[in-house]
Amino acid sequence: MTTNRVTFIDTMRGFSLFGILMANLLIFQFGMYGKDELQHLSTIDNGALYFVKIFIEGSFMPIFTILFGFSLIKMIESIRKRKNKCRWSILRRATGLLAFG
């Protein structure tokens, strides 16, 4: 079985997953609400916190979302090319993602 993978999309997906990991590092360290209540930071730490919030948290989630939608469209095209019904495949994938998540 051969698969036609788009290498650029796979690379971008890995890059965005790395960015999401970096965005969650503050949550891992300070907790879900503790990261927003950081006080008494020096100027450099405060600048780094704003950098993380704007460029990392605000950038990588939309990239990952767009790539997720792109892969869903490519999967639907592949299923339709094989003349199968795509609703059951999408439902099975969504159920698996919900169970995994």
C-alpha atoms as a PDB file:
ATOM      1  CA  MET A   1       0.000   0.000   0.000  1.00  0.00           C
ATOM      2  CA  THR A   2       1.506   3.293  -1.043  1.00  0.00           C
ATOM      3  CA  THR A   3       0.543   6.562   0.545  1.00  0.00           C
ATOM      4  CA  ASN A   4       0.888   9.928  -1.102  1.00  0.00           C
ATOM      5  CA  ARG A   5       2.030  12.163   1.726  1.00  0.00           C
ATOM      6  CA  VAL A   6       2.677  15.863   1.333  1.00  0.00           C
ATOM      7  CA  THR A   7       6.056  16.311   3.017  1.00  0.00           C
ATOM      8  CA  PHE A   8       5.690  20.044   3.504  1.00  0.00           C
ATOM      9  CA  ILE A   9       2.359  19.620   5.319  1.00  0.00           C
ATOM     10  CA  ASP A  10       3.821  16.899   7.557  1.00  0.00           C
ATOM     11  CA  THR A  11       6.775  19.158   8.354  1.00  0.00           C
ATOM     12  CA  MET A  12       4.506  22.078   9.202  1.00  0.00           C
ATOM     13  CA  ARG A  13       2.346  19.813  11.376  1.00  0.00           C
ATOM     14  CA  GLY A  14       5.401  18.697  13.343  1.00  0.00           C
ATOM     15  CA  PHE A  15       6.579  22.294  13.668  1.00  0.00           C
ATOM     16  CA  SER A  16       3.175  23.395  14.966  1.00  0.00           C
ATOM     17  CA  LEU A  17       3.061  20.506  17.463  1.00  0.00           C
ATOM     18  CA  PHE A  18       6.455  21.616  18.756  1.00  0.00           C
ATOM     19  CA  GLY A  19       5.083  25.154  19.116  1.00  0.00           C
ATOM     20  CA  ILE A  20       2.032  23.896  21.004  1.00  0.00           C
ATOM     21  CA  LEU A  21       4.346  22.000  23.350  1.00  0.00           C
ATOM     22  CA  MET A  22       6.335  25.193  23.938  1.00  0.00           C
ATOM     23  CA  ALA A  23       3.103  27.126  24.581  1.00  0.00           C
ATOM     24  CA  ASN A  24       2.050  24.585  27.202  1.00  0.00           C
ATOM     25  CA  LEU A  25       5.337  24.642  29.103  1.00  0.00           C
ATOM     26  CA  LEU A  26       4.100  27.498  31.299  1.00  0.00           C
ATOM     27  CA  ILE A  27       0.959  25.514  32.082  1.00  0.00           C
ATOM     28  CA  PHE A  28       3.074  22.476  32.980  1.00  0.00           C
ATOM     29  CA  GLN A  29       5.139  24.571  35.372  1.00  0.00           C
ATOM     30  CA  PHE A  30       2.579  26.940  36.966  1.00  0.00           C
ATOM     31  CA  GLY A  31      -0.784  25.251  36.353  1.00  0.00           C
ATOM     32  CA  MET A  32      -3.715  26.287  34.205  1.00  0.00           C
ATOM     33  CA  TYR A  33      -4.486  29.527  36.035  1.00  0.00           C
ATOM     34  CA  GLY A  34      -1.117  30.153  37.632  1.00  0.00           C
ATOM     35  CA  LYS A  35       0.521  31.126  34.352  1.00  0.00           C
ATOM     36  CA  ASP A  36      -1.773  34.154  34.028  1.00  0.00           C
ATOM     37  CA  GLU A  37      -1.179  35.299  37.605  1.00  0.00           C
ATOM     38  CA  LEU A  38       2.581  35.652  37.448  1.00  0.00           C
ATOM     39  CA  GLN A  39       3.558  38.727  39.427  1.00  0.00           C
ATOM     40  CA  HIS A  40       6.777  40.447  40.452  1.00  0.00           C
ATOM     41  CA  LEU A  41       8.508  39.669  37.199  1.00  0.00           C
ATOM     42  CA  SER A  42      11.583  41.496  36.054  1.00  0.00           C
ATOM     43  CA  THR A  43      11.465  43.433  32.811  1.00  0.00           C
ATOM     44  CA  ILE A  44      13.163  40.640  30.869  1.00  0.00           C
ATOM     45  CA  ASP A  45      10.842  37.980  32.319  1.00  0.00           C
ATOM     46  CA  ASN A  46       7.790  40.111  31.591  1.00  0.00           C
ATOM     47  CA  GLY A  47       8.981  40.628  28.003  1.00  0.00           C
ATOM     48  CA  ALA A  48       9.561  36.894  27.602  1.00  0.00           C
ATOM     49  CA  LEU A  49       6.072  36.168  28.956  1.00  0.00           C
ATOM     50  CA  TYR A  50       4.474  38.539  26.435  1.00  0.00           C
ATOM     51  CA  PHE A  51       6.581  37.010  23.653  1.00  0.00           C
ATOM     52  CA  VAL A  52       5.322  33.541  24.583  1.00  0.00           C
ATOM     53  CA  LYS A  53       1.709  34.699  24.752  1.00  0.00           C
ATOM     54  CA  ILE A  54       1.715  36.603  21.471  1.00  0.00           C
ATOM     55  CA  PHE A  55       4.091  34.722  19.185  1.00  0.00           C
ATOM     56  CA  ILE A  56       3.879  31.174  20.496  1.00  0.00           C
ATOM     57  CA  GLU A  57       0.400  30.746  21.971  1.00  0.00           C
ATOM     58  CA  GLY A  58      -1.216  32.968  19.355  1.00  0.00           C
ATOM     59  CA  SER A  59       0.562  31.534  16.316  1.00  0.00           C
ATOM     60  CA  PHE A  60       0.887  27.786  16.570  1.00  0.00           C
ATOM     61  CA  MET A  61      -2.699  26.845  17.437  1.00  0.00           C
ATOM     62  CA  PRO A  62      -4.160  28.465  14.274  1.00  0.00           C
ATOM     63  CA  ILE A  63      -1.463  26.816  12.133  1.00  0.00           C
ATOM     64  CA  PHE A  64      -2.292  23.409  13.618  1.00  0.00           C
ATOM     65  CA  THR A  65      -6.024  24.012  13.134  1.00  0.00           C
ATOM     66  CA  ILE A  66      -5.579  24.916   9.463  1.00  0.00           C
ATOM     67  CA  LEU A  67      -3.415  21.849   8.892  1.00  0.00           C
ATOM     68  CA  PHE A  68      -5.975  19.640  10.659  1.00  0.00           C
ATOM     69  CA  GLY A  69      -8.699  20.931   8.336  1.00  0.00           C
ATOM     70  CA  PHE A  70      -6.448  20.442   5.301  1.00  0.00           C
ATOM     71  CA  SER A  71      -5.772  16.823   6.261  1.00  0.00           C
ATOM     72  CA  LEU A  72      -9.505  16.221   6.756  1.00  0.00           C
ATOM     73  CA  ILE A  73     -10.224  17.536   3.256  1.00  0.00           C
ATOM     74  CA  LYS A  74      -7.421  15.398   1.778  1.00  0.00           C
ATOM     75  CA  MET A  75      -8.818  12.333   3.586  1.00  0.00           C
ATOM     76  CA  ILE A  76     -12.313  12.978   2.183  1.00  0.00           C
ATOM     77  CA  GLU A  77     -10.877  13.361  -1.332  1.00  0.00           C
ATOM     78  CA  SER A  78      -8.978  10.094  -0.953  1.00  0.00           C
ATOM     79  CA  ILE A  79     -12.046   8.209   0.232  1.00  0.00           C
ATOM     80  CA  ARG A  80     -14.194   9.596  -2.565  1.00  0.00           C
ATOM     81  CA  LYS A  81     -11.522   8.667  -5.099  1.00  0.00           C
ATOM     82  CA  ARG A  82     -11.904   5.044  -3.952  1.00  0.00           C
ATOM     83  CA  LYS A  83     -15.697   5.370  -4.400  1.00  0.00           C
ATOM     84  CA  ASN A  84     -16.434   4.713  -0.723  1.00  0.00           C
ATOM     85  CA  LYS A  85     -18.793   6.607   1.546  1.00  0.00           C
ATOM     86  CA  CYS A  86     -16.816   9.067   3.590  1.00  0.00           C
ATOM     87  CA  ARG A  87     -19.319   9.726   6.397  1.00  0.00           C
ATOM     88  CA  TRP A  88     -18.530   6.500   8.266  1.00  0.00           C
ATOM     89  CA  SER A  89     -14.793   7.057   7.931  1.00  0.00           C
ATOM     90  CA  ILE A  90     -15.079  10.599   9.251  1.00  0.00           C
ATOM     91  CA  LEU A  91     -17.344   9.469  12.096  1.00  0.00           C
ATOM     92  CA  ARG A  92     -14.905   6.678  12.990  1.00  0.00           C
ATOM     93  CA  ARG A  93     -11.969   9.113  12.934  1.00  0.00           C
ATOM     94  CA  ALA A  94     -13.824  11.694  15.041  1.00  0.00           C
ATOM     95  CA  THR A  95     -14.797   9.026  17.571  1.00  0.00           C
ATOM     96  CA  GLY A  96     -11.196   7.852  17.799  1.00  0.00           C
ATOM     97  CA  LEU A  97      -9.938  11.411  18.263  1.00  0.00           C
ATOM     98  CA  LEU A  98     -12.508  12.075  20.978  1.00  0.00           C
ATOM     99  CA  ALA A  99     -11.588   8.854  22.771  1.00  0.00           C
ATOM    100  CA  PHE A 100      -7.881   9.640  22.481  1.00  0.00           C
ATOM    101  CA  GLY A 101      -8.310  13.266  23.559  1.00  0.00           C
END
